[in-house]
PDB file of all heavy atoms in Angstrom:
ATOM      1  N   PRO A   1      -1.810 -16.840  -4.058  1.00  0.00           N
ATOM      2  CA  PRO A   1      -0.507 -16.558  -3.751  1.00  0.00           C
ATOM      3  C   PRO A   1       0.415 -17.365  -4.660  1.00  0.00           C
ATOM      4  O   PRO A   1       0.069 -18.553  -5.148  1.00  0.00           O
ATOM      5  CB  PRO A   1      -0.410 -17.123  -2.337  1.00  0.00           C
ATOM      6  CG  PRO A   1      -1.447 -18.172  -2.226  1.00  0.00           C
ATOM      7  CD  PRO A   1      -2.691 -17.808  -3.124  1.00  0.00           C
ATOM      8  N   THR A   2       1.468 -16.784  -4.909  1.00  0.00           N
ATOM      9  CA  THR A   2       2.700 -17.368  -5.660  1.00  0.00           C
ATOM     10  C   THR A   2       2.309 -18.233  -6.973  1.00  0.00           C
ATOM     11  O   THR A   2       2.484 -19.377  -7.009  1.00  0.00           O
ATOM     12  CB  THR A   2       3.508 -18.365  -4.742  1.00  0.00           C
ATOM     13  OG1 THR A   2       2.476 -19.352  -4.237  1.00  0.00           O
ATOM     14  CG2 THR A   2       4.076 -17.595  -3.547  1.00  0.00           C
ATOM     15  N   ILE A   3       1.905 -17.436  -7.947  1.00  0.00           N
ATOM     16  CA  ILE A   3       1.693 -18.015  -9.186  1.00  0.00           C
ATOM     17  C   ILE A   3       2.978 -18.298  -9.965  1.00  0.00           C
ATOM     18  O   ILE A   3       3.956 -17.698  -9.631  1.00  0.00           O
ATOM     19  CB  ILE A   3       0.752 -17.208 -10.022  1.00  0.00           C
ATOM     20  CG1 ILE A   3       1.396 -15.860 -10.526  1.00  0.00           C
ATOM     21  CG2 ILE A   3      -0.551 -16.876  -9.394  1.00  0.00           C
ATOM     22  CD1 ILE A   3       0.619 -15.213 -11.579  1.00  0.00           C
ATOM     23  N   SER A   4       2.963 -19.203 -10.953  1.00  0.00           N
ATOM     24  CA  SER A   4       4.220 -19.608 -11.560  1.00  0.00           C
ATOM     25  C   SER A   4       4.278 -19.675 -13.130  1.00  0.00           C
ATOM     26  O   SER A   4       5.365 -19.982 -13.630  1.00  0.00           O
ATOM     27  CB  SER A   4       4.758 -20.809 -10.827  1.00  0.00           C
ATOM     28  OG  SER A   4       3.867 -21.860 -11.223  1.00  0.00           O
ATOM     29  N   SER A   5       3.018 -19.603 -13.636  1.00  0.00           N
ATOM     30  CA  SER A   5       3.029 -19.797 -15.142  1.00  0.00           C
ATOM     31  C   SER A   5       2.577 -18.558 -15.967  1.00  0.00           C
ATOM     32  O   SER A   5       1.839 -17.853 -15.438  1.00  0.00           O
ATOM     33  CB  SER A   5       2.198 -21.053 -15.328  1.00  0.00           C
ATOM     34  OG  SER A   5       0.911 -20.654 -15.403  1.00  0.00           O
ATOM     35  N   ALA A   6       3.002 -18.563 -17.334  1.00  0.00           N
ATOM     36  CA  ALA A   6       2.441 -17.640 -18.144  1.00  0.00           C
ATOM     37  C   ALA A   6       0.909 -17.595 -18.313  1.00  0.00           C
ATOM     38  O   ALA A   6       0.335 -16.680 -18.313  1.00  0.00           O
ATOM     39  CB  ALA A   6       3.138 -17.802 -19.523  1.00  0.00           C
ATOM     40  N   GLY A   7       0.411 -18.786 -18.356  1.00  0.00           N
ATOM     41  CA  GLY A   7      -1.061 -18.982 -18.560  1.00  0.00           C
ATOM     42  C   GLY A   7      -1.814 -18.336 -17.305  1.00  0.00           C
ATOM     43  O   GLY A   7      -2.813 -17.802 -17.494  1.00  0.00           O
ATOM     44  N   SER A   8      -1.178 -18.408 -16.123  1.00  0.00           N
ATOM     45  CA  SER A   8      -1.882 -17.925 -14.939  1.00  0.00           C
ATOM     46  C   SER A   8      -1.861 -16.426 -15.008  1.00  0.00           C
ATOM     47  O   SER A   8      -2.892 -15.641 -14.650  1.00  0.00           O
ATOM     48  CB  SER A   8      -1.144 -18.335 -13.538  1.00  0.00           C
ATOM     49  OG  SER A   8      -1.017 -19.783 -13.538  1.00  0.00           O
ATOM     50  N   VAL A   9      -0.909 -15.805 -15.520  1.00  0.00           N
ATOM     51  CA  VAL A   9      -0.790 -14.332 -15.681  1.00  0.00           C
ATOM     52  C   VAL A   9      -1.899 -13.887 -16.557  1.00  0.00           C
ATOM     53  O   VAL A   9      -2.640 -12.962 -16.249  1.00  0.00           O
ATOM     54  CB  VAL A   9       0.521 -13.878 -16.218  1.00  0.00           C
ATOM     55  CG1 VAL A   9       0.538 -12.309 -16.470  1.00  0.00           C
ATOM     56  CG2 VAL A   9       1.798 -14.268 -15.335  1.00  0.00           C
ATOM     57  N   LYS A  10      -2.209 -14.510 -17.720  1.00  0.00           N
ATOM     58  CA  LYS A  10      -3.150 -14.269 -18.683  1.00  0.00           C
ATOM     59  C   LYS A  10      -4.480 -14.417 -18.001  1.00  0.00           C
ATOM     60  O   LYS A  10      -5.363 -13.420 -18.113  1.00  0.00           O
ATOM     61  CB  LYS A  10      -3.042 -15.092 -19.889  1.00  0.00           C
ATOM     62  CG  LYS A  10      -3.946 -14.861 -20.939  1.00  0.00           C
ATOM     63  CD  LYS A  10      -3.712 -15.807 -22.217  1.00  0.00           C
ATOM     64  CE  LYS A  10      -4.853 -15.496 -23.319  1.00  0.00           C
ATOM     65  NZ  LYS A  10      -4.643 -16.439 -24.479  1.00  0.00           N
ATOM     66  N   LEU A  11      -4.833 -15.432 -17.312  1.00  0.00           N
ATOM     67  CA  LEU A  11      -6.181 -15.613 -16.651  1.00  0.00           C
ATOM     68  C   LEU A  11      -6.371 -14.527 -15.727  1.00  0.00           C
ATOM     69  O   LEU A  11      -7.493 -14.053 -15.639  1.00  0.00           O
ATOM     70  CB  LEU A  11      -6.038 -17.062 -15.925  1.00  0.00           C
ATOM     71  CG  LEU A  11      -6.207 -18.345 -16.767  1.00  0.00           C
ATOM     72  CD1 LEU A  11      -5.992 -19.497 -15.899  1.00  0.00           C
ATOM     73  CD2 LEU A  11      -7.612 -18.410 -17.367  1.00  0.00           C
ATOM     74  N   ILE A  12      -5.384 -14.154 -14.906  1.00  0.00           N
ATOM     75  CA  ILE A  12      -5.624 -13.028 -13.831  1.00  0.00           C
ATOM     76  C   ILE A  12      -5.758 -11.706 -14.641  1.00  0.00           C
ATOM     77  O   ILE A  12      -6.730 -10.902 -14.120  1.00  0.00           O
ATOM     78  CB  ILE A  12      -4.590 -13.166 -12.791  1.00  0.00           C
ATOM     79  CG1 ILE A  12      -4.609 -14.496 -12.071  1.00  0.00           C
ATOM     80  CG2 ILE A  12      -4.546 -11.933 -11.894  1.00  0.00           C
ATOM     81  CD1 ILE A  12      -3.470 -14.576 -11.032  1.00  0.00           C
ATOM     82  N   ALA A  13      -5.069 -11.457 -15.639  1.00  0.00           N
ATOM     83  CA  ALA A  13      -5.273 -10.222 -16.266  1.00  0.00           C
ATOM     84  C   ALA A  13      -6.710 -10.038 -16.863  1.00  0.00           C
ATOM     85  O   ALA A  13      -7.308  -9.051 -16.758  1.00  0.00           O
ATOM     86  CB  ALA A  13      -4.205 -10.189 -17.457  1.00  0.00           C
ATOM     87  N   GLU A  14      -7.243 -11.209 -17.387  1.00  0.00           N
ATOM     88  CA  GLU A  14      -8.548 -11.170 -17.923  1.00  0.00           C
ATOM     89  C   GLU A  14      -9.642 -11.054 -16.813  1.00  0.00           C
ATOM     90  O   GLU A  14     -10.629 -10.214 -17.004  1.00  0.00           O
ATOM     91  CB  GLU A  14      -8.941 -12.549 -18.688  1.00  0.00           C
ATOM     92  CG  GLU A  14      -8.057 -12.620 -19.903  1.00  0.00           C
ATOM     93  CD  GLU A  14      -8.255 -14.058 -20.513  1.00  0.00           C
ATOM     94  OE1 GLU A  14      -8.702 -15.055 -19.750  1.00  0.00           O
ATOM     95  OE2 GLU A  14      -7.706 -14.331 -21.744  1.00  0.00           O
ATOM     96  N   ALA A  15      -9.301 -11.590 -15.602  1.00  0.00           N
ATOM     97  CA  ALA A  15     -10.269 -11.450 -14.516  1.00  0.00           C
ATOM     98  C   ALA A  15     -10.300  -9.978 -14.031  1.00  0.00           C
ATOM     99  O   ALA A  15     -11.165  -9.499 -13.646  1.00  0.00           O
ATOM    100  CB  ALA A  15      -9.805 -12.276 -13.284  1.00  0.00           C
ATOM    101  N   LYS A  16      -9.136  -9.313 -14.036  1.00  0.00           N
ATOM    102  CA  LYS A  16      -9.136  -7.943 -13.627  1.00  0.00           C
ATOM    103  C   LYS A  16      -9.861  -7.053 -14.581  1.00  0.00           C
ATOM    104  O   LYS A  16     -10.463  -5.955 -14.082  1.00  0.00           O
ATOM    105  CB  LYS A  16      -7.610  -7.485 -13.390  1.00  0.00           C
ATOM    106  CG  LYS A  16      -6.960  -8.088 -12.212  1.00  0.00           C
ATOM    107  CD  LYS A  16      -5.559  -7.602 -11.975  1.00  0.00           C
ATOM    108  CE  LYS A  16      -4.869  -8.054 -10.716  1.00  0.00           C
ATOM    109  NZ  LYS A  16      -3.743  -7.447 -10.239  1.00  0.00           N
ATOM    110  N   LYS A  17      -9.730  -7.349 -15.798  1.00  0.00           N
ATOM    111  CA  LYS A  17     -10.543  -6.642 -16.785  1.00  0.00           C
ATOM    112  C   LYS A  17     -12.067  -6.675 -16.585  1.00  0.00           C
ATOM    113  O   LYS A  17     -12.733  -5.750 -16.873  1.00  0.00           O
ATOM    114  CB  LYS A  17     -10.095  -7.130 -18.187  1.00  0.00           C
ATOM    115  CG  LYS A  17      -8.744  -6.658 -18.639  1.00  0.00           C
ATOM    116  CD  LYS A  17      -8.487  -7.175 -20.093  1.00  0.00           C
ATOM    117  CE  LYS A  17      -7.127  -6.831 -20.632  1.00  0.00           C
ATOM    118  NZ  LYS A  17      -6.756  -7.393 -21.929  1.00  0.00           N
ATOM    119  N   LYS A  18     -12.442  -7.765 -15.999  1.00  0.00           N
ATOM    120  CA  LYS A  18     -13.807  -7.954 -15.670  1.00  0.00           C
ATOM    121  C   LYS A  18     -14.323  -7.171 -14.407  1.00  0.00           C
ATOM    122  O   LYS A  18     -15.438  -7.044 -14.063  1.00  0.00           O
ATOM    123  CB  LYS A  18     -14.258  -9.500 -15.531  1.00  0.00           C
ATOM    124  CG  LYS A  18     -14.173 -10.215 -16.680  1.00  0.00           C
ATOM    125  CD  LYS A  18     -14.462 -11.636 -16.306  1.00  0.00           C
ATOM    126  CE  LYS A  18     -14.434 -12.510 -17.664  1.00  0.00           C
ATOM    127  NZ  LYS A  18     -14.810 -13.994 -17.320  1.00  0.00           N
ATOM    128  N   GLY A  19     -13.125  -6.708 -13.743  1.00  0.00           N
ATOM    129  CA  GLY A  19     -13.509  -6.042 -12.459  1.00  0.00           C
ATOM    130  C   GLY A  19     -13.539  -6.829 -11.299  1.00  0.00           C
ATOM    131  O   GLY A  19     -14.079  -6.390 -10.189  1.00  0.00           O
ATOM    132  N   LEU A  20     -13.175  -8.026 -11.319  1.00  0.00           N
ATOM    133  CA  LEU A  20     -13.251  -8.966 -10.103  1.00  0.00           C
ATOM    134  C   LEU A  20     -12.119  -8.553  -9.043  1.00  0.00           C
ATOM    135  O   LEU A  20     -11.059  -7.958  -9.342  1.00  0.00           O
ATOM    136  CB  LEU A  20     -12.786 -10.466 -10.500  1.00  0.00           C
ATOM    137  CG  LEU A  20     -13.807 -10.981 -11.528  1.00  0.00           C
ATOM    138  CD1 LEU A  20     -13.419 -12.545 -11.660  1.00  0.00           C
ATOM    139  CD2 LEU A  20     -15.281 -10.899 -11.161  1.00  0.00           C
ATOM    140  N   ASP A  21     -12.452  -8.657  -7.806  1.00  0.00           N
ATOM    141  CA  ASP A  21     -11.626  -8.166  -6.736  1.00  0.00           C
ATOM    142  C   ASP A  21     -10.660  -9.337  -6.519  1.00  0.00           C
ATOM    143  O   ASP A  21     -10.605 -10.123  -5.529  1.00  0.00           O
ATOM    144  CB  ASP A  21     -12.303  -7.862  -5.473  1.00  0.00           C
ATOM    145  CG  ASP A  21     -11.591  -7.254  -4.422  1.00  0.00           C
ATOM    146  OD1 ASP A  21     -10.324  -7.099  -4.556  1.00  0.00           O
ATOM    147  OD2 ASP A  21     -12.199  -6.711  -3.354  1.00  0.00           O
ATOM    148  N   ILE A  22      -9.529  -9.422  -7.369  1.00  0.00           N
ATOM    149  CA  ILE A  22      -8.551 -10.466  -7.290  1.00  0.00           C
ATOM    150  C   ILE A  22      -7.144  -9.771  -7.256  1.00  0.00           C
ATOM    151  O   ILE A  22      -6.815  -8.931  -7.933  1.00  0.00           O
ATOM    152  CB  ILE A  22      -8.765 -11.340  -8.553  1.00  0.00           C
ATOM    153  CG1 ILE A  22      -7.713 -12.397  -8.694  1.00  0.00           C
ATOM    154  CG2 ILE A  22      -8.648 -10.506  -9.830  1.00  0.00           C
ATOM    155  CD1 ILE A  22      -7.853 -13.444  -7.581  1.00  0.00           C
ATOM    156  N   THR A  23      -6.349 -10.439  -6.427  1.00  0.00           N
ATOM    157  CA  THR A  23      -4.908 -10.045  -6.269  1.00  0.00           C
ATOM    158  C   THR A  23      -4.137 -11.395  -6.429  1.00  0.00           C
ATOM    159  O   THR A  23      -4.687 -12.518  -6.123  1.00  0.00           O
ATOM    160  CB  THR A  23      -4.466  -9.340  -5.101  1.00  0.00           C
ATOM    161  OG1 THR A  23      -5.098  -9.933  -3.908  1.00  0.00           O
ATOM    162  CG2 THR A  23      -5.206  -7.844  -5.118  1.00  0.00           C
ATOM    163  N   CYS A  24      -2.898 -11.267  -6.674  1.00  0.00           N
ATOM    164  CA  CYS A  24      -1.960 -12.358  -6.818  1.00  0.00           C
ATOM    165  C   CYS A  24      -0.518 -12.007  -6.412  1.00  0.00           C
ATOM    166  O   CYS A  24      -0.220 -10.772  -6.548  1.00  0.00           O
ATOM    167  CB  CYS A  24      -2.014 -13.136  -8.093  1.00  0.00           C
ATOM    168  SG  CYS A  24      -1.237 -12.233  -9.522  1.00  0.00           S
ATOM    169  N   SER A  25       0.333 -12.947  -6.188  1.00  0.00           N
ATOM    170  CA  SER A  25       1.748 -12.808  -5.956  1.00  0.00           C
ATOM    171  C   SER A  25       2.547 -13.693  -6.765  1.00  0.00           C
ATOM    172  O   SER A  25       2.021 -14.729  -7.144  1.00  0.00           O
ATOM    173  CB  SER A  25       1.952 -12.771  -4.427  1.00  0.00           C
ATOM    174  OG  SER A  25       1.757 -14.147  -3.907  1.00  0.00           O
ATOM    175  N   VAL A  26       3.737 -13.337  -6.589  1.00  0.00           N
ATOM    176  CA  VAL A  26       4.777 -14.366  -7.316  1.00  0.00           C
ATOM    177  C   VAL A  26       5.989 -14.406  -6.288  1.00  0.00           C
ATOM    178  O   VAL A  26       6.346 -13.328  -5.740  1.00  0.00           O
ATOM    179  CB  VAL A  26       5.234 -14.005  -8.677  1.00  0.00           C
ATOM    180  CG1 VAL A  26       5.914 -12.508  -8.711  1.00  0.00           C
ATOM    181  CG2 VAL A  26       6.045 -15.021  -9.290  1.00  0.00           C
ATOM    182  N   ALA A  27       6.628 -15.379  -6.212  1.00  0.00           N
ATOM    183  CA  ALA A  27       8.003 -15.598  -5.362  1.00  0.00           C
ATOM    184  C   ALA A  27       9.105 -15.067  -6.359  1.00  0.00           C
ATOM    185  O   ALA A  27       9.203 -15.283  -7.364  1.00  0.00           O
ATOM    186  CB  ALA A  27       8.117 -16.929  -5.016  1.00  0.00           C
ATOM    187  N   VAL A  28      10.020 -14.468  -5.468  1.00  0.00           N
ATOM    188  CA  VAL A  28      11.258 -13.942  -6.155  1.00  0.00           C
ATOM    189  C   VAL A  28      11.987 -14.953  -6.932  1.00  0.00           C
ATOM    190  O   VAL A  28      12.401 -14.784  -8.032  1.00  0.00           O
ATOM    191  CB  VAL A  28      12.091 -13.304  -5.076  1.00  0.00           C
ATOM    192  CG1 VAL A  28      13.522 -12.796  -5.820  1.00  0.00           C
ATOM    193  CG2 VAL A  28      11.557 -12.100  -4.420  1.00  0.00           C
ATOM    194  N   HIS A  29      12.015 -16.159  -6.353  1.00  0.00           N
ATOM    195  CA  HIS A  29      12.745 -17.245  -6.953  1.00  0.00           C
ATOM    196  C   HIS A  29      12.153 -17.828  -8.280  1.00  0.00           C
ATOM    197  O   HIS A  29      12.881 -18.313  -9.188  1.00  0.00           O
ATOM    198  CB  HIS A  29      12.967 -18.349  -6.118  1.00  0.00           C
ATOM    199  CG  HIS A  29      11.754 -19.024  -5.361  1.00  0.00           C
ATOM    200  ND1 HIS A  29      11.510 -18.943  -4.096  1.00  0.00           N
ATOM    201  CD2 HIS A  29      10.712 -19.724  -5.953  1.00  0.00           C
ATOM    202  CE1 HIS A  29      10.387 -19.445  -3.814  1.00  0.00           C
ATOM    203  NE2 HIS A  29       9.883 -19.919  -4.848  1.00  0.00           N
ATOM    204  N   ASN A  30      10.703 -17.532  -8.428  1.00  0.00           N
ATOM    205  CA  ASN A  30      10.168 -17.963  -9.718  1.00  0.00           C
ATOM    206  C   ASN A  30      10.369 -16.921 -10.752  1.00  0.00           C
ATOM    207  O   ASN A  30      10.104 -17.216 -11.942  1.00  0.00           O
ATOM    208  CB  ASN A  30       8.698 -18.099  -9.445  1.00  0.00           C
ATOM    209  CG  ASN A  30       8.331 -19.460  -8.926  1.00  0.00           C
ATOM    210  OD1 ASN A  30       8.029 -19.498  -7.760  1.00  0.00           O
ATOM    211  ND2 ASN A  30       8.297 -20.531  -9.630  1.00  0.00           N
ATOM    212  N   LEU A  31      10.857 -15.753 -10.468  1.00  0.00           N
ATOM    213  CA  LEU A  31      11.309 -14.695 -11.325  1.00  0.00           C
ATOM    214  C   LEU A  31      12.721 -14.925 -11.779  1.00  0.00           C
ATOM    215  O   LEU A  31      13.354 -14.685 -12.901  1.00  0.00           O
ATOM    216  CB  LEU A  31      11.151 -13.329 -10.747  1.00  0.00           C
ATOM    217  CG  LEU A  31       9.740 -12.882 -10.391  1.00  0.00           C
ATOM    218  CD1 LEU A  31       9.803 -11.563  -9.721  1.00  0.00           C
ATOM    219  CD2 LEU A  31       8.815 -12.958 -11.629  1.00  0.00           C
ATOM    220  N   PHE A  32      13.528 -15.506 -10.840  1.00  0.00           N
ATOM    221  CA  PHE A  32      14.989 -15.320 -10.908  1.00  0.00           C
ATOM    222  C   PHE A  32      15.586 -16.699 -11.554  1.00  0.00           C
ATOM    223  O   PHE A  32      16.469 -16.677 -12.252  1.00  0.00           O
ATOM    224  CB  PHE A  32      15.688 -15.153  -9.473  1.00  0.00           C
ATOM    225  CG  PHE A  32      17.048 -14.823  -9.491  1.00  0.00           C
ATOM    226  CD1 PHE A  32      17.373 -13.341  -9.530  1.00  0.00           C
ATOM    227  CD2 PHE A  32      18.077 -15.579  -9.581  1.00  0.00           C
ATOM    228  CE1 PHE A  32      18.621 -12.983  -9.470  1.00  0.00           C
ATOM    229  CE2 PHE A  32      19.456 -15.208  -9.456  1.00  0.00           C
ATOM    230  CZ  PHE A  32      19.677 -13.800  -9.555  1.00  0.00           C
TER     231      PHE A  32
END
């Protein structure tokens, strides 16, 4: 839940490419 950094996005993208059953979210305020 609620990731906040560019590095986290990269790590999760790589995990999804591996086929891991992973999801994540971000809070609106961390975008705004």
